[in-house]
């Protein structure tokens, strides 16, 4: 399942969804919405104006024709009329009005050009308006979905009072409604190409906008990955995106220059430390020889001279250790540190570490046998010696050393019962030259022990972690991969060389440790 979800196809699909769920989609949607709203608004306004114009034109034409026809026919009408003459009058008026229905009313008498016409289309409000205003009035009516125009006018004769004769004409507006509906349909049909055109224009605009944005994104990701030479293609134009791209290139140039300068300074600093440490080794070797002779003859010297000789010997040994630590750190920084791997019994290696420094009785151990691994025994010794030494110097007894192996990991834990480490100290335990007590400027340690231990652990593919125990005290945990030997082990010659080297190193360390303890007793 994990291969399917994490395969190239899935990544392409996620990338596609990301593109269409990002700025591109928002630009397209915005363009389409603007075009759609504009088209709908324009359509509504066009429909309203067209409908008003068509109806107004029809209304004006009906009013003019109706008035002219009434005036023309009314001249031959005898007053007062009867129902027959009213019907004949209505028919004569309707003859000149096309398909309009005309109704003439005189008091209680009524005559119509079409006896089957629906006279209810002439509303009482229209009749009332004609009688009270004594002028032509009109009204639009919608009956069963069909629009009509009803026009009414009183019939007046020259030099006479109102005759009491009212004439009404009802004209269908179906043709005008169909015309405006056709206009609406035509405009509505034009919405689809407008929206499609807007989408195409949006895609083109998005491509123009997103191209420099994508370039900036790719360049930023390459910078984040460490490629400080990455730049954006020099853009054309003077818009905001072009200015942003140019600013990015200028920033990248400044960053690359600053990083190159810092790296050069770092290389110089490392080389300086390595050169100084290397140059100090020769005079230190001579000083160590002299200090050794003075230390051996200290018992035969006066008390003050003996104390001075032992102090010189102790400080020379401390300086030698500092130089060795600096040399070791310079090898880690330059990448020159290498593992001299061999299959060892880890429990026996840890016991040798304690015995070499005289810590066997001061440390409680849980070291099960049979845990054989391919490691560099010298570097394992350095890691454990630094951790146990810190616990003995800065913690409180009992100090415990535990070895455990589970799965593909080996764990070495060093714990003490002291006050533990302050919360502000924990993040800096493995920093170089860091000391928890700022007043402890003069101490046996150089402040490089935990840093060297961490670098040796990393060289094995492992790590060192620190935490405070729940019951008090600090606990250092050294984890490394459990590499088992694939064959029978090293050759006898290699084992012999390693054994001889280890014996010489152990003898030298025992001698230095003995002298240090004697100096402390003095």
Protein backbone atom coordinates (compact mmCIF):
# COMPACT_ATOMS: atom_id res chain seq x y z
CA UNK A 1 0.00 0.00 0.00
CA UNK A 2 2.81 2.43 0.86
CA UNK A 3 4.40 1.91 -2.55
CA UNK A 4 1.14 2.73 -4.30
CA UNK A 5 0.44 5.88 -2.32
CA UNK A 6 3.99 7.09 -2.60
CA UNK A 7 4.66 6.20 -6.24
CA UNK A 8 5.31 8.59 -9.12
CA UNK A 9 1.68 8.42 -10.25
CA UNK A 10 0.42 9.46 -6.84
CA UNK A 11 2.93 12.31 -6.69
CA UNK A 12 1.84 13.51 -10.13
CA UNK A 13 -1.81 13.39 -9.06
CA UNK A 14 -1.02 15.28 -5.89
CA UNK A 15 0.96 17.81 -7.92
CA UNK A 16 -1.97 18.22 -10.32
CA UNK A 17 -4.44 18.75 -7.49
CA UNK A 18 -2.02 21.18 -5.91
CA UNK A 19 -1.74 23.18 -9.12
CA UNK A 20 -5.50 23.28 -9.60
CA UNK A 21 -6.10 24.01 -5.94
CA UNK A 22 -3.66 26.90 -5.88
CA UNK A 23 -3.32 30.31 -7.44
CA UNK A 24 -4.09 29.04 -10.95
CA UNK A 25 -7.53 27.80 -9.92
CA UNK A 26 -8.28 30.98 -8.00
CA UNK A 27 -7.35 33.13 -11.00
CA UNK A 28 -9.49 31.05 -13.36
CA UNK A 29 -12.45 31.09 -10.97
CA UNK A 30 -12.09 34.84 -10.45
CA UNK A 31 -11.96 35.52 -14.19
CA UNK A 32 -14.92 33.25 -14.89
CA UNK A 33 -16.98 34.75 -12.06
CA UNK A 34 -16.24 38.29 -13.21
CA UNK A 35 -17.13 37.39 -16.79
CA UNK A 36 -20.27 35.56 -15.68
CA UNK A 37 -21.45 38.37 -13.41
CA UNK A 38 -20.68 40.93 -16.08
CA UNK A 39 -22.50 38.93 -18.74
CA UNK A 40 -25.52 38.30 -16.52
CA UNK A 41 -25.66 41.95 -15.50
CA UNK A 42 -25.33 43.09 -19.10
CA UNK A 43 -27.98 40.58 -20.14
CA UNK A 44 -30.39 41.74 -17.46
CA UNK A 45 -29.88 45.38 -18.31
CA UNK A 46 -30.19 44.72 -22.04
CA UNK A 47 -33.32 42.68 -21.53
CA UNK A 48 -34.91 45.34 -19.35
CA UNK A 49 -34.06 48.16 -21.72
CA UNK A 50 -35.13 46.20 -24.78
CA UNK A 51 -38.39 45.15 -23.19
CA UNK A 52 -39.11 48.70 -22.07
CA UNK A 53 -38.31 50.08 -25.51
CA UNK A 54 -40.43 47.51 -27.35
CA UNK A 55 -43.40 47.95 -25.01
CA UNK A 56 -43.09 51.74 -25.08
CA UNK A 57 -43.04 51.73 -28.86
CA UNK A 58 -46.06 49.43 -29.01
CA UNK A 59 -47.87 51.49 -26.39
CA UNK A 60 -47.26 54.76 -28.24
CA UNK A 61 -48.38 53.25 -31.53
CA UNK A 62 -51.60 51.83 -30.01
CA UNK A 63 -52.42 55.12 -28.30
CA UNK A 64 -51.88 57.14 -31.45
CA UNK A 65 -53.83 54.78 -33.73
CA UNK A 66 -56.62 54.35 -31.17
CA UNK A 67 -57.08 58.08 -30.65
CA UNK A 68 -57.04 58.83 -34.37
CA UNK A 69 -59.52 56.05 -35.09
CA UNK A 70 -61.90 57.11 -32.34
CA UNK A 71 -61.83 60.73 -33.47
CA UNK A 72 -62.48 59.67 -37.05
CA UNK A 73 -65.40 57.32 -36.34
CA UNK A 74 -67.00 59.41 -33.58
CA UNK A 75 -67.83 62.19 -36.07
CA UNK A 76 -70.54 59.97 -37.66
CA UNK A 77 -72.03 58.73 -34.36
CA UNK A 78 -75.45 60.05 -33.38
CA UNK A 79 -75.97 60.86 -29.75
CA UNK A 80 -77.39 59.44 -27.66
CA UNK A 81 -76.52 56.04 -29.09
CA UNK A 82 -78.38 52.77 -28.62
CA UNK A 83 -76.84 49.34 -28.18
CA UNK A 84 -76.84 48.60 -31.91
CA UNK A 85 -75.12 51.85 -32.79
CA UNK A 86 -72.61 51.30 -29.99
CA UNK A 87 -71.79 47.86 -31.39
CA UNK A 88 -71.46 49.29 -34.87
CA UNK A 89 -69.27 52.10 -33.51
CA UNK A 90 -66.99 49.66 -31.70
CA UNK A 91 -66.65 47.55 -34.83
CA UNK A 92 -65.77 50.58 -36.94
CA UNK A 93 -63.08 51.63 -34.49
CA UNK A 94 -61.66 48.08 -34.37
CA UNK A 95 -61.44 47.88 -38.16
CA UNK A 96 -58.49 50.19 -38.15
CA UNK A 97 -56.68 48.65 -35.15
CA UNK A 98 -55.74 45.24 -36.39
CA UNK A 99 -56.52 42.42 -33.93
CA UNK A 100 -57.56 44.72 -31.08
CA UNK A 101 -60.92 44.26 -29.38
CA UNK A 102 -62.89 47.50 -28.92
CA UNK A 103 -65.64 48.04 -26.36
CA UNK A 104 -67.85 51.16 -26.31
CA UNK A 105 -69.82 52.04 -23.18
CA UNK A 106 -72.51 54.66 -22.75
CA UNK A 107 -74.07 54.71 -19.36
CA UNK A 108 -75.52 51.20 -18.98
CA UNK A 109 -75.24 50.35 -22.66
CA UNK A 110 -72.27 48.43 -24.03
CA UNK A 111 -71.15 47.48 -27.51
CA UNK A 112 -68.20 45.33 -28.54
CA UNK A 113 -66.42 44.57 -31.78
CA UNK A 114 -66.17 40.92 -30.66
CA UNK A 115 -69.04 39.51 -28.66
CA UNK A 116 -66.91 36.57 -27.46
CA UNK A 117 -64.11 38.77 -26.11
CA UNK A 118 -63.31 38.73 -22.42
CA UNK A 119 -64.57 42.10 -21.21
CA UNK A 120 -63.02 41.50 -17.79
CA UNK A 121 -59.70 42.57 -19.32
CA UNK A 122 -61.04 46.10 -18.92
CA UNK A 123 -60.67 46.62 -15.21
CA UNK A 124 -62.81 48.84 -13.07
CA UNK A 125 -59.74 50.90 -12.17
CA UNK A 126 -59.20 51.71 -15.83
CA UNK A 127 -62.87 52.72 -16.24
CA UNK A 128 -62.63 54.88 -13.15
CA UNK A 129 -59.45 56.57 -14.42
CA UNK A 130 -61.05 57.39 -17.79
CA UNK A 131 -64.18 58.85 -16.26
CA UNK A 132 -62.54 60.88 -13.55
CA UNK A 133 -59.59 62.21 -15.54
CA UNK A 134 -61.60 62.61 -18.72
CA UNK A 135 -58.57 61.73 -20.78
CA UNK A 136 -56.90 58.72 -22.32
CA UNK A 137 -55.56 56.14 -19.83
CA UNK A 138 -53.91 52.78 -20.29
CA UNK A 139 -53.11 49.67 -18.26
CA UNK A 140 -50.99 46.55 -18.79
CA UNK A 141 -52.62 43.29 -17.85
CA UNK A 142 -51.28 39.75 -17.49
CA UNK A 143 -53.96 37.11 -17.84
CA UNK A 144 -53.05 33.39 -17.79
CA UNK A 145 -49.46 34.16 -18.74
CA UNK A 146 -50.43 36.35 -21.68
CA UNK A 147 -49.75 40.10 -21.64
CA UNK A 148 -52.32 42.65 -22.81
CA UNK A 149 -52.55 46.42 -23.18
CA UNK A 150 -55.86 48.04 -22.35
CA UNK A 151 -56.46 51.66 -23.51
CA UNK A 152 -59.46 53.78 -22.72
CA UNK A 153 -60.54 57.27 -23.73
CA UNK A 154 -63.66 59.39 -23.38
CA UNK A 155 -65.39 60.58 -26.58
CA UNK A 156 -65.78 64.31 -26.67
CA UNK A 157 -67.39 66.49 -29.28
CA UNK A 158 -66.33 69.96 -30.21
CA UNK A 159 -67.96 72.76 -28.23
CA UNK A 160 -69.87 70.38 -26.02
CA UNK A 161 -69.82 68.87 -22.56
CA UNK A 162 -68.56 65.33 -21.91
CA UNK A 163 -70.68 62.94 -23.90
CA UNK A 164 -70.53 60.10 -21.36
CA UNK A 165 -69.32 57.74 -24.09
CA UNK A 166 -66.12 55.80 -23.26
CA UNK A 167 -64.23 53.62 -25.69
CA UNK A 168 -61.76 50.90 -24.68
CA UNK A 169 -59.37 48.85 -26.80
CA UNK A 170 -57.57 45.68 -25.65
CA UNK A 171 -54.46 44.67 -27.63
CA UNK A 172 -52.35 41.53 -27.15
CA UNK A 173 -48.65 42.03 -26.40
CA UNK A 174 -47.70 38.43 -27.15
CA UNK A 175 -45.64 39.39 -30.20
CA UNK A 176 -43.64 41.94 -28.23
CA UNK A 177 -43.11 39.40 -25.41
CA UNK A 178 -41.82 36.87 -27.92
CA UNK A 179 -39.45 39.43 -29.39
CA UNK A 180 -37.96 40.30 -26.03
CA UNK A 181 -37.74 36.59 -25.13
CA UNK A 182 -35.77 35.98 -28.31
CA UNK A 183 -33.41 38.77 -27.34
CA UNK A 184 -32.97 37.18 -23.90
CA UNK A 185 -32.34 33.75 -25.41
CA UNK A 186 -29.78 35.18 -27.82
CA UNK A 187 -27.93 36.93 -24.99
CA UNK A 188 -28.13 33.83 -22.77
CA UNK A 189 -26.70 31.67 -25.53
CA UNK A 190 -23.81 34.09 -25.72
CA UNK A 191 -22.91 33.46 -22.07
CA UNK A 192 -21.27 30.09 -22.80
CA UNK A 193 -18.68 31.41 -25.26
CA UNK A 194 -18.09 34.42 -23.00
CA UNK A 195 -17.38 32.16 -20.03
CA UNK A 196 -15.16 29.88 -22.12
CA UNK A 197 -13.28 32.88 -23.47
CA UNK A 198 -12.85 34.18 -19.93
CA UNK A 199 -11.49 30.80 -18.81
CA UNK A 200 -8.98 30.75 -21.67
CA UNK A 201 -7.88 34.30 -20.93
CA UNK A 202 -7.61 33.39 -17.24
CA UNK A 203 -5.38 30.42 -18.05
CA UNK A 204 -3.15 32.61 -20.21
CA UNK A 205 -2.99 35.27 -17.51
CA UNK A 206 -2.33 32.64 -14.84
CA UNK A 207 0.46 31.18 -16.93
CA UNK A 208 2.04 34.61 -17.28
CA UNK A 209 1.70 35.31 -13.56
CA UNK A 210 2.61 31.86 -12.26
CA UNK A 211 5.67 31.29 -14.43
CA UNK A 212 7.89 33.66 -12.42
CA UNK A 213 6.25 32.44 -9.21
CA UNK A 214 7.15 28.84 -10.07
CA UNK A 215 10.67 29.94 -10.94
CA UNK A 216 10.95 31.64 -7.57
CA UNK A 217 9.59 28.54 -5.84
CA UNK A 218 12.08 26.23 -7.55
CA UNK A 219 14.97 28.59 -6.82
CA UNK A 220 13.91 28.89 -3.17
CA UNK A 221 13.72 25.10 -2.80
CA UNK A 222 17.18 24.73 -4.33
CA UNK A 223 18.49 27.33 -1.89
CA UNK A 224 16.87 25.45 0.99
CA UNK A 225 18.61 22.29 -0.25
CA UNK A 226 21.97 24.07 -0.12
CA UNK A 227 22.41 25.14 -3.76
CA UNK A 228 23.23 28.81 -3.25
CA UNK A 229 24.12 29.27 -6.94
CA UNK A 230 20.48 28.94 -7.97
CA UNK A 231 19.02 32.04 -9.60
CA UNK A 232 15.79 33.10 -11.27
CA UNK A 233 15.93 33.72 -15.02
CA UNK A 234 16.31 37.46 -15.44
CA UNK A 235 12.71 38.63 -16.03
CA UNK A 236 11.53 41.12 -18.61
CA UNK A 237 9.36 44.10 -17.83
CA UNK A 238 8.95 46.39 -14.86
CA UNK A 239 5.98 44.91 -13.04
CA UNK A 240 5.90 43.74 -9.42
CA UNK A 241 6.82 40.14 -10.26
CA UNK A 242 9.85 41.25 -12.25
CA UNK A 243 10.96 43.45 -9.35
CA UNK A 244 10.47 40.53 -6.97
CA UNK A 245 12.59 38.23 -9.14
CA UNK A 246 15.36 40.81 -9.37
CA UNK A 247 15.26 41.34 -5.60
CA UNK A 248 15.51 37.57 -5.11
CA UNK A 249 18.58 37.38 -7.35
CA UNK A 250 20.25 40.25 -5.49
CA UNK A 251 19.44 38.63 -2.16
CA UNK A 252 20.79 35.29 -3.39
CA UNK A 253 24.01 36.97 -4.54
CA UNK A 254 24.48 38.60 -1.15
CA UNK A 255 23.67 35.35 0.66
CA UNK A 256 26.09 33.33 -1.46
CA UNK A 257 28.81 35.87 -0.87
CA UNK A 258 28.20 35.91 2.89
CA UNK A 259 28.07 32.12 3.14
CA UNK A 260 31.24 31.76 1.06
CA UNK A 261 33.00 34.24 3.33
CA UNK A 262 31.79 32.45 6.45
CA UNK A 263 32.87 29.09 5.09
CA UNK A 264 36.28 30.47 4.21
CA UNK A 265 36.64 31.88 7.71
CA UNK A 266 35.53 28.57 9.20
CA UNK A 267 38.07 26.66 7.12
CA UNK A 268 40.78 29.09 8.19
CA UNK A 269 39.78 28.74 11.83
CA UNK A 270 39.83 24.94 11.65
CA UNK A 271 43.17 24.98 9.88
CA UNK A 272 44.52 27.37 12.50
CA UNK A 273 43.41 25.11 15.34
CA UNK A 274 44.84 22.05 13.62
CA UNK A 275 48.14 23.79 12.83
CA UNK A 276 48.51 25.18 16.34
CA UNK A 277 47.69 21.82 17.89
CA UNK A 278 50.14 20.09 15.59
CA UNK A 279 52.89 22.60 16.32
CA UNK A 280 52.32 22.27 20.08
CA UNK A 281 52.83 18.53 20.04
CA UNK A 282 56.63 18.71 19.63
CA UNK A 283 57.36 21.12 22.50
CA UNK A 284 54.75 19.35 24.60
CA UNK A 285 56.52 16.05 24.08
CA UNK A 286 59.75 17.59 25.40
CA UNK A 287 57.88 19.24 28.27
CA UNK A 288 56.25 15.94 29.14
CA UNK A 289 59.60 14.19 29.26
CA UNK A 290 61.03 16.87 31.57
CA UNK A 291 57.89 16.87 33.72
CA UNK A 292 58.12 13.09 34.03
CA UNK A 293 61.72 13.29 35.24
CA UNK A 294 60.81 16.03 37.73
CA UNK A 295 57.80 14.05 38.90
CA UNK A 296 59.89 10.94 39.48
CA UNK A 297 62.45 12.93 41.52
CA UNK A 298 59.88 15.00 43.40
CA UNK A 299 60.21 12.87 46.53
CA UNK A 300 63.88 13.87 46.86
CA UNK A 301 63.20 17.61 46.46
CA UNK A 302 62.31 20.13 49.16
CA UNK A 303 58.52 20.39 49.80
CA UNK A 304 58.01 23.60 47.80
CA UNK A 305 60.10 22.34 44.88
CA UNK A 306 58.30 18.98 45.01
CA UNK A 307 54.91 20.68 44.92
CA UNK A 308 56.04 22.85 41.97
CA UNK A 309 57.36 19.80 40.11
CA UNK A 310 54.10 17.90 40.59
CA UNK A 311 52.08 20.97 39.54
CA UNK A 312 54.15 21.32 36.37
CA UNK A 313 53.67 17.64 35.64
CA UNK A 314 49.88 17.80 36.17
CA UNK A 315 49.45 20.98 34.10
CA UNK A 316 51.63 19.58 31.32
CA UNK A 317 49.53 16.42 31.24
CA UNK A 318 46.37 18.57 31.16
CA UNK A 319 47.75 20.64 28.29
CA UNK A 320 48.71 17.48 26.42
CA UNK A 321 45.17 16.15 26.78
CA UNK A 322 43.76 19.46 25.55
CA UNK A 323 46.01 19.39 22.49
CA UNK A 324 45.01 15.79 21.79
CA UNK A 325 41.33 16.75 22.10
CA UNK A 326 41.81 19.67 19.71
CA UNK A 327 43.58 17.44 17.23
CA UNK A 328 40.74 14.96 17.49
CA UNK A 329 38.10 17.66 16.89
CA UNK A 330 40.05 18.98 13.92
CA UNK A 331 40.01 15.48 12.41
CA UNK A 332 36.23 15.32 12.87
CA UNK A 333 35.77 18.77 11.31
CA UNK A 334 37.93 17.98 8.31
CA UNK A 335 36.32 14.58 7.76
CA UNK A 336 39.63 12.79 8.30
CA UNK A 337 38.39 10.68 11.21
CA UNK A 338 38.09 7.01 10.25
CA UNK A 339 36.88 3.88 12.01
CA UNK A 340 39.26 0.99 12.68
CA UNK A 341 36.56 -1.65 12.92
CA UNK A 342 36.90 -4.97 14.59
CA UNK A 343 34.63 -7.54 16.22
CA UNK A 344 34.76 -7.19 20.02
CA UNK A 345 32.83 -8.26 23.07
CA UNK A 346 31.25 -4.97 24.16
CA UNK A 347 30.92 -6.05 27.79
CA UNK A 348 34.63 -6.86 27.97
CA UNK A 349 35.50 -3.59 26.23
CA UNK A 350 33.50 -1.60 28.78
CA UNK A 351 35.11 -3.47 31.69
CA UNK A 352 38.54 -2.67 30.26
CA UNK A 353 37.56 1.01 30.08
CA UNK A 354 36.70 1.03 33.77
CA UNK A 355 39.74 -1.02 34.81
CA UNK A 356 42.13 1.12 32.78
CA UNK A 357 41.12 4.21 34.75
CA UNK A 358 40.66 2.57 38.13
CA UNK A 359 36.87 3.01 38.14
CA UNK A 360 35.91 -0.64 38.60
CA UNK A 361 34.98 -0.27 42.26
CA UNK A 362 33.33 3.15 41.80
CA UNK A 363 30.83 2.10 39.10
CA UNK A 364 27.95 -0.39 39.31
CA UNK A 365 27.75 -2.40 36.11
CA UNK A 366 25.18 -4.50 34.28
CA UNK A 367 27.19 -5.88 31.38
CA UNK A 368 25.71 -9.08 29.99
CA UNK A 369 28.12 -11.16 27.95
CA UNK A 370 27.70 -12.35 24.40
CA UNK A 371 27.06 -8.91 22.90
CA UNK A 372 29.62 -8.98 20.12
CA UNK A 373 29.63 -6.18 17.58
CA UNK A 374 31.83 -4.72 14.87
CA UNK A 375 33.01 -1.37 16.24
CA UNK A 376 36.12 0.72 16.70
CA UNK A 377 37.09 -0.28 20.29
CA UNK A 378 39.29 2.79 20.82
CA UNK A 379 36.44 5.18 19.98
CA UNK A 380 33.95 3.20 22.08
CA UNK A 381 36.43 3.49 24.94
CA UNK A 382 36.62 7.28 24.44
CA UNK A 383 32.82 7.66 24.47
CA UNK A 384 32.25 5.57 27.60
CA UNK A 385 35.26 7.05 29.43
CA UNK A 386 33.99 10.59 28.85
CA UNK A 387 30.47 9.77 30.01
CA UNK A 388 31.54 7.81 33.09
CA UNK A 389 34.20 10.40 33.95
CA UNK A 390 31.61 13.21 33.85
CA UNK A 391 29.23 11.20 36.06
CA UNK A 392 31.97 10.57 38.63
CA UNK A 393 33.23 14.16 38.66
CA UNK A 394 29.94 16.09 38.55
CA UNK A 395 27.34 13.58 39.72
CA UNK A 396 26.95 11.55 42.89
CA UNK A 397 27.33 7.87 43.66
CA UNK A 398 26.23 5.32 42.86
CA UNK A 399 27.18 5.64 39.19
CA UNK A 400 25.84 2.84 37.00
CA UNK A 401 26.92 1.54 33.60
CA UNK A 402 24.40 -0.62 31.72
CA UNK A 403 24.71 -2.48 28.43
CA UNK A 404 21.65 -3.72 26.53
CA UNK A 405 21.07 -5.07 23.01
CA UNK A 406 17.68 -5.35 21.34
CA UNK A 407 16.85 -5.73 17.67
CA UNK A 408 19.42 -3.91 15.60
CA UNK A 409 20.46 -1.40 18.30
CA UNK A 410 22.94 -1.52 21.17
CA UNK A 411 22.40 0.83 24.10
CA UNK A 412 24.91 1.90 26.75
CA UNK A 413 23.50 3.93 29.65
CA UNK A 414 25.54 5.90 32.20
CA UNK A 415 23.56 7.27 35.17
CA UNK A 416 24.32 8.93 38.48
CA UNK A 417 22.31 9.99 41.54
CA UNK A 418 23.43 13.61 41.68
CA UNK A 419 21.33 16.77 41.40
CA UNK A 420 21.00 16.38 37.65
CA UNK A 421 21.37 19.09 35.04
CA UNK A 422 19.57 22.43 35.00
CA UNK A 423 16.98 22.83 32.20
CA UNK A 424 19.01 25.62 30.60
CA UNK A 425 22.11 23.40 30.58
CA UNK A 426 20.59 20.34 28.87
CA UNK A 427 20.53 21.82 25.32
CA UNK A 428 24.24 22.75 25.57
CA UNK A 429 25.73 19.63 27.10
CA UNK A 430 27.34 18.58 23.82
CA UNK A 431 28.52 22.06 22.82
CA UNK A 432 32.26 22.54 22.54
CA UNK A 433 34.01 24.17 25.50
CA UNK A 434 30.70 24.43 27.34
CA UNK A 435 30.81 24.06 31.12
CA UNK A 436 27.65 23.98 33.21
CA UNK A 437 29.33 26.03 35.95
CA UNK A 438 30.64 29.27 34.47
CA UNK A 439 32.80 29.75 37.58
CA UNK A 440 34.55 26.44 36.93
CA UNK A 441 37.05 28.01 34.51
CA UNK A 442 39.88 25.91 35.86
CA UNK A 443 39.08 22.22 35.92
CA UNK A 444 40.52 18.99 34.75
CA UNK A 445 38.15 18.86 31.78
CA UNK A 446 38.53 20.94 28.64
CA UNK A 447 34.85 21.17 27.79
CA UNK A 448 35.41 18.98 24.72
CA UNK A 449 34.75 15.56 26.24
CA UNK A 450 31.01 15.29 25.52
CA UNK A 451 31.47 16.86 22.07
CA UNK A 452 34.13 14.25 21.21
CA UNK A 453 31.90 11.50 22.58
CA UNK A 454 29.02 12.64 20.35
CA UNK A 455 31.25 12.83 17.26
CA UNK A 456 32.57 9.31 17.89
CA UNK A 457 29.01 8.05 18.30
CA UNK A 458 27.96 9.71 15.04
CA UNK A 459 30.97 8.18 13.31
CA UNK A 460 29.47 4.78 14.23
CA UNK A 461 26.05 5.86 12.96
CA UNK A 462 24.76 6.33 16.50
CA UNK A 463 24.03 9.14 18.90
CA UNK A 464 24.35 10.24 22.52
CA UNK A 465 21.40 11.70 24.42
CA UNK A 466 21.11 13.19 27.89
CA UNK A 467 18.16 13.54 30.26
CA UNK A 468 17.44 13.92 33.95
CA UNK A 469 16.30 10.83 35.82
CA UNK A 470 12.92 10.84 37.52
CA UNK A 471 14.55 9.95 40.86
CA UNK A 472 17.37 12.47 40.52
CA UNK A 473 20.62 12.49 38.63
CA UNK A 474 21.59 12.67 34.98
CA UNK A 475 21.45 9.83 32.49
CA UNK A 476 23.50 9.67 29.28
CA UNK A 477 22.34 7.16 26.67
CA UNK A 478 24.75 6.00 23.96
CA UNK A 479 22.96 4.23 21.07
CA UNK A 480 24.64 2.69 18.04
CA UNK A 481 23.67 0.22 15.33
CA UNK A 482 24.40 -3.42 16.17
CA UNK A 483 26.77 -4.52 13.42
CA UNK A 484 27.57 -8.20 13.60
CA UNK A 485 30.61 -9.74 11.93
CA UNK A 486 29.83 -11.42 8.65
CA UNK A 487 32.88 -13.75 8.84
CA UNK A 488 35.14 -15.25 11.42
CA UNK A 489 36.62 -11.86 12.37
CA UNK A 490 39.93 -10.16 11.77
CA UNK A 491 43.10 -11.91 10.81
CA UNK A 492 45.51 -12.95 13.57
CA UNK A 493 48.00 -10.37 12.38
CA UNK A 494 45.40 -7.58 12.58
CA UNK A 495 44.29 -8.74 16.01
CA UNK A 496 47.90 -8.87 17.17
CA UNK A 497 48.58 -5.31 16.00
CA UNK A 498 45.39 -4.09 17.61
CA UNK A 499 46.26 -5.86 20.86
CA UNK A 500 49.76 -4.42 20.95
CA UNK A 501 48.42 -0.93 20.22
CA UNK A 502 45.79 -1.33 22.92
CA UNK A 503 48.34 -2.54 25.48
CA UNK A 504 50.64 0.40 24.83
CA UNK A 505 47.75 2.86 25.00
CA UNK A 506 46.43 1.29 28.20
CA UNK A 507 49.86 1.41 29.82
CA UNK A 508 50.28 5.07 28.94
CA UNK A 509 46.85 5.94 30.29
CA UNK A 510 47.46 4.03 33.52
CA UNK A 511 50.70 5.91 34.06
CA UNK A 512 49.05 9.29 33.49
CA UNK A 513 46.14 8.39 35.74
CA UNK A 514 48.48 7.29 38.52
CA UNK A 515 50.42 10.53 38.35
CA UNK A 516 47.20 12.56 38.38
CA UNK A 517 45.95 10.83 41.54
CA UNK A 518 49.32 11.27 43.23
CA UNK A 519 49.25 14.98 42.38
CA UNK A 520 45.73 15.32 43.82
CA UNK A 521 46.78 13.61 47.06
CA UNK A 522 49.69 16.02 47.39
